[in-house]
Protein backbone atom coordinates (compact mmCIF):
# COMPACT_ATOMS: atom_id res chain seq x y z
CA UNK A 1 13.58 -10.60 44.63
CA UNK A 2 11.85 -8.34 42.66
CA UNK A 3 12.19 -7.76 38.50
CA UNK A 4 10.62 -4.75 36.72
CA UNK A 5 9.32 -5.54 33.71
CA UNK A 6 10.06 -2.40 31.14
CA UNK A 7 6.59 -2.95 29.81
CA UNK A 8 2.52 -2.21 31.30
CA UNK A 9 1.08 -4.83 29.05
CA UNK A 10 -0.58 -7.35 31.60
CA UNK A 11 -0.31 -9.79 29.12
CA UNK A 12 3.79 -9.82 28.71
CA UNK A 13 3.85 -9.39 32.83
CA UNK A 14 1.34 -12.49 33.53
CA UNK A 15 3.68 -14.21 30.75
CA UNK A 16 7.02 -13.53 32.84
CA UNK A 17 5.28 -13.72 36.44
CA UNK A 18 3.95 -17.62 35.58
CA UNK A 19 7.28 -18.56 34.32
CA UNK A 20 9.43 -16.90 36.97
CA UNK A 21 7.61 -17.05 40.07
CA UNK A 22 8.64 -20.10 40.90
CA UNK A 23 12.28 -18.88 40.48
CA UNK A 24 11.87 -16.85 43.49
CA UNK A 25 11.49 -13.97 41.60
CA UNK A 26 8.02 -11.31 41.52
CA UNK A 27 7.75 -10.07 38.01
CA UNK A 28 5.87 -6.54 38.58
CA UNK A 29 4.91 -3.66 35.84
CA UNK A 30 6.40 -0.27 35.31
CA UNK A 31 2.67 0.72 36.56
CA UNK A 32 2.97 -1.39 39.83
CA UNK A 33 6.47 -0.01 40.14
CA UNK A 34 5.04 3.63 39.91
CA UNK A 35 7.17 4.28 37.10
CA UNK A 36 6.32 6.76 34.19
CA UNK A 37 8.32 6.84 31.08
CA UNK A 38 8.18 6.67 27.62
CA UNK A 39 11.86 5.61 26.14
CA UNK A 40 12.72 6.74 22.41
CA UNK A 41 13.46 3.78 20.01
CA UNK A 42 15.94 4.68 18.02
CA UNK A 43 17.74 2.14 18.18
CA UNK A 44 18.68 0.01 15.04
CA UNK A 45 18.19 -3.74 16.41
CA UNK A 46 16.00 -5.25 18.69
CA UNK A 47 19.14 -5.83 21.18
CA UNK A 48 19.58 -2.02 20.82
CA UNK A 49 16.02 -1.14 21.49
CA UNK A 50 15.64 -3.61 24.36
CA UNK A 51 18.49 -1.80 26.30
CA UNK A 52 17.26 1.31 25.74
CA UNK A 53 14.39 0.08 27.28
CA UNK A 54 15.99 -0.74 30.41
CA UNK A 55 18.15 2.16 30.56
CA UNK A 56 15.04 4.48 30.47
CA UNK A 57 13.55 2.52 34.07
CA UNK A 58 17.39 2.80 35.32
CA UNK A 59 16.66 5.65 36.24
CA UNK A 60 14.30 5.46 38.54
CA UNK A 61 15.38 2.07 40.20
CA UNK A 62 18.43 -0.16 41.26
CA UNK A 63 15.85 -3.23 41.26
CA UNK A 64 16.56 -5.48 38.20
CA UNK A 65 15.04 -4.85 35.65
CA UNK A 66 13.18 -6.84 32.28
CA UNK A 67 12.86 -5.79 28.73
CA UNK A 68 12.17 -7.00 25.50
CA UNK A 69 11.87 -5.73 22.35
CA UNK A 70 10.13 -8.08 19.04
CA UNK A 71 8.67 -8.00 15.50
CA UNK A 72 8.39 -9.34 12.51
CA UNK A 73 11.07 -10.00 9.97
CA UNK A 74 10.25 -10.84 6.14
CA UNK A 75 13.16 -11.78 4.26
CA UNK A 76 12.50 -10.70 0.94
CA UNK A 77 11.37 -7.05 2.23
CA UNK A 78 15.16 -6.69 3.65
CA UNK A 79 13.81 -7.86 6.63
CA UNK A 80 11.04 -5.06 6.93
CA UNK A 81 9.18 -4.15 9.47
CA UNK A 82 11.64 -5.32 12.19
CA UNK A 83 12.24 -2.98 14.69
CA UNK A 84 9.40 -0.76 13.18
CA UNK A 85 7.17 -3.23 13.37
CA UNK A 86 4.71 -1.79 16.22
CA UNK A 87 4.82 1.48 14.41
CA UNK A 88 4.36 0.53 10.83
CA UNK A 89 0.88 2.09 9.82
CA UNK A 90 0.64 3.34 13.62
CA UNK A 91 -3.38 4.52 13.89
CA UNK A 92 -3.93 1.54 11.35
CA UNK A 93 -5.97 -1.63 12.21
CA UNK A 94 -3.47 -4.84 11.23
CA UNK A 95 -6.20 -5.55 8.86
CA UNK A 96 -4.48 -2.36 6.38
CA UNK A 97 -1.21 -3.72 7.47
CA UNK A 98 -1.85 -6.80 5.90
CA UNK A 99 -2.90 -6.17 2.95
CA UNK A 100 0.21 -3.40 2.42
CA UNK A 101 2.17 -5.51 3.52
CA UNK A 102 0.84 -8.48 0.98
CA UNK A 103 1.80 -5.44 -2.23
CA UNK A 104 5.08 -5.26 -1.09
CA UNK A 105 5.66 -8.97 -1.73
CA UNK A 106 3.37 -8.84 -4.72
CA UNK A 107 5.46 -10.50 -7.47
CA UNK A 108 8.44 -12.05 -4.95
CA UNK A 109 9.12 -15.72 -4.88
CA UNK A 110 10.14 -16.04 -1.38
CA UNK A 111 7.82 -15.66 1.54
CA UNK A 112 9.69 -16.52 3.81
CA UNK A 113 10.05 -14.69 7.62
CA UNK A 114 10.79 -14.96 10.90
CA UNK A 115 9.44 -13.49 14.63
CA UNK A 116 12.40 -12.09 16.71
CA UNK A 117 12.76 -11.41 20.23
CA UNK A 118 15.34 -10.35 22.48
CA UNK A 119 15.21 -9.40 25.96
CA UNK A 120 17.27 -7.36 27.98
CA UNK A 121 18.54 -8.16 31.72
CA UNK A 122 19.58 -5.19 33.57
CA UNK A 123 21.27 -4.76 36.83
CA UNK A 124 21.48 -8.79 37.52
CA UNK A 125 25.43 -8.43 36.33
CA UNK A 126 27.51 -5.94 35.76
CA UNK A 127 26.55 -5.92 31.88
CA UNK A 128 23.35 -6.29 30.70
CA UNK A 129 22.27 -9.85 29.44
CA UNK A 130 20.40 -10.38 26.20
CA UNK A 131 18.36 -13.80 24.91
CA UNK A 132 17.11 -13.79 21.81
CA UNK A 133 14.42 -16.00 20.23
CA UNK A 134 13.57 -16.72 16.86
CA UNK A 135 10.67 -18.69 15.05
CA UNK A 136 10.79 -19.14 11.22
CA UNK A 137 7.40 -19.55 8.89
CA UNK A 138 6.24 -18.11 6.19
CA UNK A 139 3.60 -15.39 4.86
CA UNK A 140 0.75 -16.18 3.86
CA UNK A 141 -2.22 -14.08 1.46
CA UNK A 142 -5.04 -14.13 3.71
CA UNK A 143 -5.26 -13.76 7.38
CA UNK A 144 -6.45 -16.89 9.40
CA UNK A 145 -7.22 -17.47 12.89
CA UNK A 146 -8.30 -15.55 15.66
CA UNK A 147 -5.87 -16.13 18.40
CA UNK A 148 -3.06 -13.94 19.26
CA UNK A 149 -2.53 -10.40 17.86
CA UNK A 150 -0.54 -8.47 15.91
CA UNK A 151 0.99 -10.34 12.70
CA UNK A 152 0.09 -13.98 13.29
CA UNK A 153 -3.06 -14.41 11.51
CA UNK A 154 -0.35 -14.26 8.19
CA UNK A 155 2.16 -15.71 9.60
CA UNK A 156 2.07 -19.11 8.81
CA UNK A 157 3.88 -22.27 11.18
CA UNK A 158 4.59 -25.28 8.56
CA UNK A 159 5.86 -27.59 12.08
CA UNK A 160 2.20 -27.38 12.63
CA UNK A 161 0.51 -26.28 9.42
CA UNK A 162 -1.34 -23.52 10.69
CA UNK A 163 -1.33 -19.62 11.65
CA UNK A 164 0.29 -17.83 14.61
CA UNK A 165 -3.51 -16.92 15.11
CA UNK A 166 -4.55 -20.37 14.56
CA UNK A 167 -2.26 -22.04 17.56
CA UNK A 168 -3.63 -22.15 21.48
CA UNK A 169 -2.07 -20.12 23.79
CA UNK A 170 -0.22 -23.21 25.28
CA UNK A 171 1.21 -24.33 21.77
CA UNK A 172 2.31 -20.88 20.75
CA UNK A 173 3.90 -20.28 23.45
CA UNK A 174 6.08 -23.58 23.07
CA UNK A 175 7.47 -22.98 19.91
CA UNK A 176 7.14 -18.51 19.66
CA UNK A 177 9.88 -16.19 19.52
CA UNK A 178 9.23 -14.92 22.81
CA UNK A 179 8.92 -18.47 24.49
CA UNK A 180 11.89 -19.79 22.50
CA UNK A 181 13.95 -16.20 24.88
CA UNK A 182 12.36 -16.82 27.54
CA UNK A 183 13.23 -20.38 27.98
CA UNK A 184 16.50 -19.08 27.61
CA UNK A 185 16.73 -16.64 30.36
CA UNK A 186 14.63 -19.12 32.76
CA UNK A 187 17.63 -21.48 32.06
CA UNK A 188 19.91 -18.62 32.78
CA UNK A 189 18.24 -17.64 36.38
CA UNK A 190 17.61 -21.77 37.34
CA UNK A 191 22.23 -21.53 36.94
CA UNK A 192 22.36 -18.56 38.64
CA UNK A 193 20.46 -19.85 41.57
CA UNK A 194 21.96 -23.30 41.37
CA UNK A 195 25.50 -21.59 41.48
CA UNK A 196 24.75 -19.20 44.49
CA UNK A 197 22.53 -21.81 46.99
CA UNK A 198 26.18 -24.52 45.73
CA UNK A 199 28.63 -21.64 46.76
CA UNK A 200 26.81 -21.63 50.47
CA UNK A 201 26.91 -25.40 50.79
């Protein structure tokens, strides 16, 4: 069965392929599906933006659609940048973003933050299904590590004593917000597959 991922990010496509192929799902990108769409992500939450992406793609296909919206929420800054994580200081390198964030945190004792990932599964059931993953950490002053991407170098993960950019891909997938959301998605699909197979008996 085919699932169209509402993204052309090959890293994401490969990640979802790896976990969903054993369950009988073939994940393809928008490009592979020959769908060109740029949804206006004007939602107020990760959940709303994830649905907006699915709705935009659903105009071109009846296939199952999977989307995600994710970002960094810094508690002392009222969860900024949140849904604007990718668009904050758009066009600037992340090193500039790190400086700007630490300037905003200057004088604040609370450095706690979390990454959030919300997945939306569309055209699978009558209503959209959501899976949310979170990962708690701290914002540090100076970026550390060369792995990962985005805000990973300033997101310190106390459980392992490293920033996300210092983790191996395997470590990050085990603990990350996206990893947690994917685990919930896989659990749901496994249960659905079991239910379908059971009814056939």
